[in-house]
């Protein structure tokens, strides 16, 4: 599994968000195409960034995600 995550970081991150949405019983409508653009647009690096929901009351949906540095996310 670790090898697959290393080879497919975008798919792994999307699967993690889908699982989190399911556990929290939140809406989830992200597609691999949209998420790939989102990921590449932010130059996402999992060692320094977190994917965060803008509005905590909404789920993991297009337009409700942002990328924050780990420090900014903790401070929030």
Protein backbone atom coordinates (compact mmCIF):
# COMPACT_ATOMS: atom_id res chain seq x y z
CA UNK A 1 0.00 0.00 0.00
CA UNK A 2 2.82 2.43 0.80
CA UNK A 3 4.32 1.89 -2.63
CA UNK A 4 0.97 2.57 -4.30
CA UNK A 5 0.51 5.80 -2.29
CA UNK A 6 4.01 6.94 -3.23
CA UNK A 7 3.35 6.25 -6.91
CA UNK A 8 -0.19 7.75 -6.88
CA UNK A 9 -0.18 10.69 -4.43
CA UNK A 10 -3.19 12.43 -5.97
CA UNK A 11 -5.38 9.31 -5.97
CA UNK A 12 -4.22 8.48 -2.43
CA UNK A 13 -5.08 11.97 -1.16
CA UNK A 14 -8.49 11.85 -2.86
CA UNK A 15 -9.20 8.44 -1.30
CA UNK A 16 -8.21 9.81 2.11
CA UNK A 17 -10.59 12.77 1.74
CA UNK A 18 -13.39 10.44 0.56
CA UNK A 19 -12.88 8.24 3.63
CA UNK A 20 -12.85 11.26 5.94
CA UNK A 21 -16.09 12.54 4.39
CA UNK A 22 -17.70 9.14 4.85
CA UNK A 23 -16.62 8.89 8.51
CA UNK A 24 -17.89 12.40 9.24
CA UNK A 25 -21.05 11.84 7.16
CA UNK A 26 -20.26 14.84 4.95
CA UNK A 27 -21.02 15.49 1.31
CA UNK A 28 -18.31 14.50 -1.19
CA UNK A 29 -18.43 15.37 -4.89
CA UNK A 30 -14.77 15.65 -5.93
CA UNK A 31 -13.71 14.06 -9.20
CA UNK A 32 -10.20 12.90 -10.02
CA UNK A 33 -10.03 15.43 -12.86
CA UNK A 34 -11.02 18.39 -10.67
CA UNK A 35 -8.81 17.27 -7.79
CA UNK A 36 -5.79 16.83 -10.10
CA UNK A 37 -6.17 20.44 -11.31
CA UNK A 38 -6.62 21.63 -7.71
CA UNK A 39 -3.54 19.69 -6.57
CA UNK A 40 -1.32 20.86 -9.42
CA UNK A 41 -2.55 24.45 -9.21
CA UNK A 42 -1.34 24.74 -5.62
CA UNK A 43 1.97 22.91 -6.13
CA UNK A 44 0.81 20.76 -3.22
CA UNK A 45 3.51 19.18 -1.05
CA UNK A 46 2.19 16.93 1.71
CA UNK A 47 5.22 17.64 3.91
CA UNK A 48 4.28 21.32 4.27
CA UNK A 49 0.61 21.59 3.27
CA UNK A 50 -2.81 20.46 4.48
CA UNK A 51 -6.05 20.38 2.50
CA UNK A 52 -8.67 22.22 4.52
CA UNK A 53 -12.38 22.87 4.14
CA UNK A 54 -13.16 26.60 3.90
CA UNK A 55 -16.56 26.19 5.51
CA UNK A 56 -16.58 23.50 8.19
CA UNK A 57 -20.34 23.06 7.78
CA UNK A 58 -19.98 21.95 4.18
CA UNK A 59 -18.41 18.75 2.99
CA UNK A 60 -15.57 17.95 0.66
CA UNK A 61 -17.04 19.62 -2.39
CA UNK A 62 -15.63 21.64 -5.26
CA UNK A 63 -15.13 25.21 -4.18
CA UNK A 64 -14.93 24.41 -0.47
CA UNK A 65 -11.30 23.34 -0.29
CA UNK A 66 -8.16 25.33 0.25
CA UNK A 67 -4.52 24.51 0.77
CA UNK A 68 -2.88 25.83 3.93
CA UNK A 69 0.58 25.40 5.33
CA UNK A 70 0.59 23.09 8.30
CA UNK A 71 1.35 26.02 10.62
CA UNK A 72 -1.53 28.11 9.24
CA UNK A 73 -3.93 25.18 9.57
CA UNK A 74 -2.92 24.54 13.18
CA UNK A 75 -3.28 28.27 14.00
CA UNK A 76 -6.74 28.30 12.42
